[in-house]
Protein backbone atom coordinates (compact mmCIF):
# COMPACT_ATOMS: atom_id res chain seq x y z
CA MET A 1 0.00 0.00 0.00
CA LYS A 2 2.78 2.41 0.98
CA LYS A 3 4.70 1.50 -2.21
CA SER A 4 1.66 2.20 -4.38
CA PHE A 5 1.06 5.56 -2.67
CA LEU A 6 4.72 6.57 -3.14
CA SER A 7 4.62 5.55 -6.81
CA LEU A 8 1.46 7.60 -7.26
CA LEU A 9 3.12 10.63 -5.67
CA LEU A 10 6.17 10.31 -7.92
CA LEU A 11 4.00 9.89 -11.02
CA SER A 12 1.93 12.91 -10.01
CA ALA A 13 5.09 15.02 -9.52
CA ALA A 14 6.32 13.98 -12.96
CA PHE A 15 3.05 15.07 -14.55
CA VAL A 16 3.17 18.41 -12.71
CA SER A 17 6.79 18.90 -13.82
CA ALA A 18 5.90 18.15 -17.45
CA ALA A 19 2.97 20.56 -17.29
CA ASP A 20 5.26 23.30 -15.98
CA LYS A 21 7.66 23.03 -18.91
CA LYS A 22 7.53 25.86 -21.43
CA ASN A 23 7.29 25.42 -25.19
CA VAL A 24 9.97 26.97 -27.40
CA LEU A 25 9.31 27.31 -31.13
CA LEU A 26 12.47 27.91 -33.18
CA ILE A 27 12.05 29.05 -36.80
CA ALA A 28 14.93 29.00 -39.29
CA GLY A 29 14.88 31.03 -42.49
CA LYS A 30 15.85 29.80 -45.94
CA PRO A 31 19.52 29.33 -46.91
CA SER A 32 21.25 32.63 -47.59
CA HIS A 33 24.68 34.16 -48.25
CA GLY A 34 27.87 32.13 -48.65
CA PRO A 35 29.19 29.10 -46.76
CA GLY A 36 29.41 29.70 -43.01
CA GLU A 37 27.23 32.84 -43.19
CA HIS A 38 23.54 33.17 -42.33
CA GLU A 39 23.45 29.47 -41.51
CA HIS A 40 19.89 29.70 -40.21
CA ASN A 41 19.14 25.98 -40.34
CA ALA A 42 22.38 24.95 -38.67
CA GLY A 43 22.21 27.72 -36.08
CA ILE A 44 18.64 26.94 -35.06
CA GLN A 45 19.40 23.22 -34.79
CA LEU A 46 22.46 23.96 -32.66
CA LEU A 47 20.41 26.15 -30.31
CA ALA A 48 17.73 23.46 -30.16
CA SER A 49 20.39 20.88 -29.24
CA GLY A 50 21.71 23.22 -26.55
CA LEU A 51 18.26 23.56 -25.01
CA LYS A 52 17.78 19.80 -25.05
CA GLN A 53 21.25 19.31 -23.57
CA SER A 54 20.96 21.69 -20.61
CA ALA A 55 17.37 22.90 -20.30
CA ALA A 56 15.35 19.76 -21.05
CA ASP A 57 13.71 19.98 -17.63
CA LEU A 58 12.64 23.57 -18.36
CA VAL A 59 11.45 23.62 -21.97
CA ASN A 60 10.08 21.55 -24.81
CA VAL A 61 11.63 22.32 -28.19
CA ASP A 62 9.94 22.51 -31.61
CA VAL A 63 11.92 23.36 -34.76
CA ALA A 64 10.82 24.60 -38.20
CA LEU A 65 13.48 24.72 -40.93
CA ASN A 66 14.08 26.18 -44.40
CA GLY A 67 11.70 29.12 -44.05
CA GLU A 68 8.70 26.92 -43.28
CA TRP A 69 6.10 28.72 -41.17
CA PRO A 70 4.76 26.30 -38.53
CA SER A 71 1.13 25.21 -38.41
CA ASP A 72 -1.38 27.20 -36.37
CA GLU A 73 -1.38 24.42 -33.78
CA ARG A 74 2.39 24.61 -33.30
CA VAL A 75 2.32 28.41 -33.04
CA ALA A 76 -0.57 28.26 -30.56
CA LYS A 77 1.45 26.05 -28.19
CA ALA A 78 4.52 28.30 -28.14
CA ASP A 79 5.50 30.20 -25.00
CA THR A 80 8.23 31.94 -26.97
CA ILE A 81 8.93 32.22 -30.70
CA VAL A 82 12.52 32.45 -31.98
CA ILE A 83 13.30 33.57 -35.55
CA TYR A 84 16.74 33.34 -37.17
CA SER A 85 16.34 34.36 -40.80
CA ASP A 86 16.86 37.03 -43.41
CA GLY A 87 14.82 40.16 -42.87
CA GLY A 88 13.48 43.04 -44.94
CA ALA A 89 10.48 42.54 -47.21
CA GLY A 90 11.08 38.76 -47.22
CA HIS A 91 10.97 38.38 -43.43
CA PRO A 92 9.07 35.14 -42.69
CA ALA A 93 7.05 36.81 -39.92
CA LEU A 94 5.51 39.49 -42.14
CA PRO A 95 2.66 37.39 -43.59
CA HIS A 96 1.77 36.32 -40.03
CA LEU A 97 1.74 39.62 -38.09
CA ASP A 98 -1.93 39.30 -37.13
CA GLN A 99 -1.35 35.79 -35.79
CA LEU A 100 1.73 36.95 -33.89
CA ALA A 101 -0.10 39.99 -32.51
CA LYS A 102 -2.59 37.69 -30.79
CA LYS A 103 0.23 35.62 -29.34
CA MET A 104 2.12 38.67 -28.13
CA ALA A 105 -1.02 40.13 -26.52
CA ALA A 106 -1.25 36.88 -24.55
CA GLY A 107 2.31 37.37 -23.25
CA THR A 108 4.25 35.08 -25.60
CA GLY A 109 7.99 35.72 -25.87
CA PHE A 110 9.64 36.96 -29.07
CA VAL A 111 13.28 36.50 -30.08
CA CYS A 112 14.94 37.70 -33.30
CA LEU A 113 18.53 36.88 -34.26
CA HIS A 114 20.73 38.81 -36.69
CA TYR A 115 18.96 39.95 -39.90
CA ALA A 116 15.63 38.88 -38.39
CA VAL A 117 15.67 42.10 -36.31
CA GLU A 118 14.95 44.04 -39.54
CA PRO A 119 11.33 44.13 -40.73
CA ALA A 120 10.27 45.55 -44.11
CA TYR A 121 11.16 49.11 -45.03
CA GLU A 122 9.04 51.79 -46.66
CA ARG A 123 10.51 53.03 -49.92
CA ALA A 124 7.61 54.36 -51.94
CA GLY A 125 4.51 53.94 -49.86
CA TRP A 126 4.16 50.93 -47.57
CA LEU A 127 5.78 47.63 -48.47
CA SER A 128 3.53 44.61 -48.74
CA VAL A 129 4.88 41.11 -48.26
CA ASP A 130 5.70 40.69 -51.95
CA GLY A 131 7.61 43.97 -52.03
CA LYS A 132 4.97 45.95 -53.91
CA PRO A 133 4.05 49.37 -52.44
CA VAL A 134 0.60 49.70 -50.91
CA SER A 135 -0.84 53.05 -49.88
CA PRO A 136 -2.08 54.16 -47.44
CA PRO A 137 -0.55 52.05 -44.66
CA PRO A 138 -3.06 49.77 -42.89
CA ALA A 139 -4.51 51.34 -39.75
CA GLY A 140 -2.38 50.90 -36.66
CA ARG A 141 0.83 50.08 -38.51
CA SER A 142 3.89 52.23 -38.89
CA SER A 143 4.50 54.17 -42.09
CA LYS A 144 8.16 53.17 -41.69
CA GLY A 145 7.39 49.74 -43.09
CA LYS A 146 5.54 46.53 -42.44
CA GLY A 147 6.32 45.09 -39.03
CA ALA A 148 8.22 48.13 -37.73
CA LEU A 149 5.65 49.17 -35.15
CA GLU A 150 5.15 45.57 -34.07
CA PHE A 151 8.85 44.81 -33.73
CA LYS A 152 9.43 47.99 -31.76
CA ASP A 153 6.80 46.82 -29.29
CA TRP A 154 7.37 43.06 -29.19
CA LEU A 155 11.16 43.08 -29.45
CA GLY A 156 11.91 46.44 -27.83
CA GLY A 157 13.80 47.68 -30.88
CA TYR A 158 14.48 46.91 -34.53
CA PHE A 159 16.79 47.72 -37.43
CA GLU A 160 15.47 50.79 -39.24
CA GLN A 161 17.01 51.59 -42.61
CA HIS A 162 18.68 55.01 -42.91
CA TRP A 163 19.04 54.98 -39.10
CA SER A 164 20.62 51.66 -38.09
CA VAL A 165 23.84 50.28 -39.62
CA ASN A 166 25.35 46.83 -40.27
CA PRO A 167 29.17 47.01 -40.40
CA HIS A 168 31.48 44.07 -39.71
CA TRP A 169 33.68 44.83 -36.69
CA MET A 170 35.39 43.43 -33.64
CA ALA A 171 33.21 44.11 -30.61
CA ASP A 172 34.69 43.87 -27.12
CA PHE A 173 32.07 43.22 -24.46
CA LYS A 174 33.95 44.14 -21.30
CA VAL A 175 30.98 44.55 -18.96
CA ILE A 176 28.12 42.05 -18.76
CA PRO A 177 25.11 43.51 -16.88
CA ASP A 178 23.21 41.60 -14.22
CA HIS A 179 20.15 39.99 -15.84
CA PRO A 180 18.73 36.44 -15.95
CA ALA A 181 19.84 36.21 -19.60
CA SER A 182 23.44 37.02 -18.66
CA ARG A 183 23.88 34.25 -16.07
CA GLY A 184 27.10 32.38 -16.75
CA VAL A 185 28.10 34.83 -19.49
CA LYS A 186 31.65 36.16 -19.22
CA PRO A 187 33.15 39.20 -20.98
CA PHE A 188 34.14 38.27 -24.52
CA GLY A 189 35.07 39.67 -27.89
CA SER A 190 33.72 38.70 -31.28
CA ASN A 191 34.21 39.75 -34.89
CA ASP A 192 30.77 39.78 -36.49
CA GLU A 193 28.33 41.89 -38.45
CA TRP A 194 27.11 43.62 -35.32
CA TYR A 195 24.19 45.91 -36.23
CA PHE A 196 23.72 48.95 -34.05
CA ASN A 197 21.81 52.20 -33.56
CA MET A 198 18.58 50.25 -33.38
CA ARG A 199 15.26 52.11 -33.36
CA PHE A 200 14.43 51.36 -29.74
CA ARG A 201 11.27 52.06 -27.79
CA ASP A 202 10.90 55.68 -26.73
CA ASN A 203 13.10 56.39 -23.70
CA MET A 204 14.17 52.70 -23.79
CA GLU A 205 10.97 51.83 -21.95
CA GLY A 206 11.30 48.31 -20.55
CA VAL A 207 14.54 47.73 -22.49
CA THR A 208 17.74 46.43 -20.85
CA PRO A 209 20.98 46.52 -22.90
CA LEU A 210 22.81 43.19 -22.56
CA LEU A 211 25.77 43.56 -24.94
CA SER A 212 27.34 46.96 -25.57
CA SER A 213 30.67 48.03 -27.03
CA ILE A 214 32.32 51.13 -28.45
CA ALA A 215 32.21 50.87 -32.24
CA PRO A 216 35.51 51.83 -33.90
CA ALA A 217 35.65 54.80 -36.26
CA GLU A 218 36.22 52.40 -39.19
CA THR A 219 32.58 51.32 -38.97
CA MET A 220 31.69 54.69 -40.49
CA ASN A 221 33.95 54.36 -43.53
CA ARG A 222 31.21 53.19 -45.90
CA GLY A 223 29.57 56.53 -46.63
CA GLU A 224 25.82 56.96 -46.29
CA GLY A 225 23.03 54.62 -47.34
CA PRO A 226 20.09 52.55 -46.05
CA HIS A 227 22.42 50.24 -44.08
CA ALA A 228 25.80 51.95 -44.29
CA GLY A 229 25.55 55.23 -42.41
CA ASN A 230 23.78 58.51 -41.73
CA PRO A 231 24.53 61.77 -39.89
CA ASP A 232 22.96 60.60 -36.61
CA VAL A 233 24.95 57.39 -36.31
CA LYS A 234 28.15 59.12 -37.43
CA LYS A 235 27.77 61.61 -34.58
CA LEU A 236 27.19 58.74 -32.14
CA VAL A 237 30.35 56.90 -33.20
CA LEU A 238 32.77 59.67 -34.22
CA GLU A 239 31.84 62.46 -31.80
CA ASP A 240 29.98 61.04 -28.81
CA LYS A 241 31.97 57.78 -28.83
CA LYS A 242 29.37 56.08 -26.66
CA PRO A 243 28.95 52.30 -26.40
CA VAL A 244 26.42 50.95 -28.88
CA VAL A 245 23.87 48.27 -27.97
CA VAL A 246 23.92 45.07 -30.04
CA ALA A 247 21.83 42.76 -27.82
CA TRP A 248 18.99 43.65 -25.49
CA ALA A 249 16.02 42.33 -23.51
CA VAL A 250 12.59 43.89 -23.09
CA GLU A 251 9.75 43.37 -20.66
CA ARG A 252 6.42 44.32 -22.20
CA LYS A 253 3.25 45.65 -20.59
CA ASP A 254 1.34 42.64 -21.92
CA GLY A 255 3.56 40.49 -19.69
CA GLY A 256 5.62 39.16 -22.57
CA ARG A 257 9.37 39.33 -22.95
CA GLY A 258 11.56 39.95 -25.99
CA PHE A 259 15.21 39.56 -26.93
CA GLY A 260 17.09 41.03 -29.87
CA PHE A 261 20.57 39.88 -30.89
CA THR A 262 22.26 41.47 -33.89
CA GLY A 263 25.26 39.13 -34.19
CA GLY A 264 25.10 35.70 -35.78
CA HIS A 265 26.24 36.53 -39.31
CA TYR A 266 29.04 33.95 -39.02
CA HIS A 267 28.15 30.43 -37.94
CA ALA A 268 31.57 30.21 -36.27
CA GLY A 269 30.34 32.68 -33.65
CA TRP A 270 28.20 29.97 -32.05
CA ALA A 271 31.42 28.26 -30.95
CA ASN A 272 31.87 31.07 -28.42
CA ASP A 273 30.54 29.75 -25.11
CA SER A 274 29.44 33.15 -23.81
CA GLN A 275 27.62 34.12 -27.00
CA ARG A 276 25.81 30.78 -27.10
CA THR A 277 24.96 30.90 -23.40
CA LEU A 278 23.53 34.41 -23.65
CA VAL A 279 21.18 33.46 -26.49
CA LEU A 280 20.11 30.18 -24.87
CA ASN A 281 19.50 31.97 -21.56
CA ALA A 282 17.42 34.62 -23.33
CA ILE A 283 15.29 32.00 -25.06
CA VAL A 284 14.54 30.33 -21.72
CA TRP A 285 13.89 33.72 -20.09
CA THR A 286 11.47 34.86 -22.80
CA ALA A 287 9.58 31.57 -22.35
CA LYS A 288 9.22 32.54 -18.67
CA ALA A 289 11.17 29.57 -17.38
CA GLU A 290 13.75 30.05 -14.64
CA VAL A 291 17.25 30.49 -16.07
CA PRO A 292 19.73 28.32 -14.09
CA ALA A 293 22.12 30.20 -11.78
CA ALA A 294 25.08 29.20 -13.98
CA GLY A 295 23.15 29.80 -17.19
CA VAL A 296 22.21 27.29 -19.89
CA ALA A 297 25.77 26.00 -20.18
CA THR A 298 26.49 23.70 -23.12
CA LYS A 299 29.40 21.86 -24.68
CA PHE A 300 29.72 20.82 -28.31
CA SER A 301 32.43 19.06 -30.27
CA GLU A 302 33.91 20.70 -33.34
CA GLU A 303 31.92 18.30 -35.52
CA GLU A 304 28.67 19.17 -33.75
CA LEU A 305 29.34 22.89 -34.13
CA LYS A 306 29.89 22.49 -37.87
CA ALA A 307 26.91 20.19 -38.46
CA ASN A 308 23.79 20.87 -40.55
CA GLN A 309 25.17 23.75 -42.59
CA ASP A 310 23.48 24.37 -45.91
CA LYS A 311 25.13 23.23 -49.12
CA LYS A 312 26.25 26.43 -50.80
CA ALA A 313 28.55 27.24 -53.67
CA PRO A 314 31.87 28.69 -52.47
CA ARG A 315 32.17 32.43 -52.82
CA LYS A 316 34.18 33.42 -55.87
CA ALA A 317 37.47 35.15 -55.20
CA PRO A 318 37.53 38.71 -56.55
CA ALA A 319 39.04 38.90 -60.01
CA LYS A 320 42.64 40.07 -60.11
CA PRO A 321 43.28 43.17 -62.20
CA ALA A 322 44.95 42.39 -65.52
CA ASP A 323 48.66 43.16 -65.69
CA LYS A 324 49.38 46.32 -67.57
CA LYS A 325 51.49 45.82 -70.67
CA LYS A 326 54.79 47.52 -70.49
C-alpha cells in the first residue's frame, strides 16, 4: 500500500513537472549568403540541441526549418517564438503579423537573431509582403514599413534603414550587466556583423541593454546609405563615442518578454561559449522559465558545431586586375 502511494506521488510530480515546462518554437529562415554565413538551419538546430542538452527539464523544443512557417497548432502552443532568418520585405514573420499579434497580446515571448531584427522598409509607400508598395498604410501600422511598429513593441527595438547600420567589426564586451539572460556569461570579444543604432522604444521603456561596445571609427567608412551610415549614427560613433547596444532584452506591458541579438552573421560565432549561453539563456527567459544560476551552459564538439550547414557554392574570389602591358 505504501509503495503504491509513493509511486502515485512520484508519477503525479512527474506530470506536474511536465505541465510546468515551457514550449519553445524555433524558426529558421531559408539558406542565404555564402558558406558559413547566415546558416539559419544549422544555427537553429544547434540552439535546439543546446536547449535539449541543458534545459530539457525547463522547456520543450519545436523546430521549423528552411523558411517553413509552422502550423497554427504549433504556433498556438509556443510560450516563446525564436526567428533566425533574413529580414526586410522577405521576413518570414511578415505574412503572419496578425497571428503573432494575438500571441504577443497573450504574453508570448519573441526572439529575433541577426537579420531577423529588420522588418520591411518603406521606400515608396508601404511595403507589402511581396515587395509591392501599398498606400495608405493599414490602420495601426507604422509608415516606416511593415512590421516596424510591431517589432518595436514586441522586441523592444528593430533595425530601421537610414538609421541603423550593419558594419562588420570586432566588438569587445567588457561589462556584462546583471540579468537572468546574462547568467554564466563572461566578458568576450567577437568579430561579427554587429548591427547597431537600433530604433528602440521611446526612452528605452522596458529595455535592458545586454551587450554593448564602443564601435571603432572604421565602422563609419562606408559613406551613407540605407544600411551603411547617416549623420545621426556618425555623430554617435565619431563624436559622442558612446557604447552601442547590439543585444537587449525587453519586458512588455502585456507580460511578454523579448530579446534582440544582432550578431550571428558567421556560424563560427556559435562556438563562443558566452555568445551561445547568452542566447540560450534569453530564449529560456522569454519563455518565462527560470534560467539556471550558472546559465544554460552547453558543450559541443567541433563536428557538432559544424553540423547541418546548408550546401552552398563557395564564394568566388575577386578577379585580379589584368597586368598592364609595359
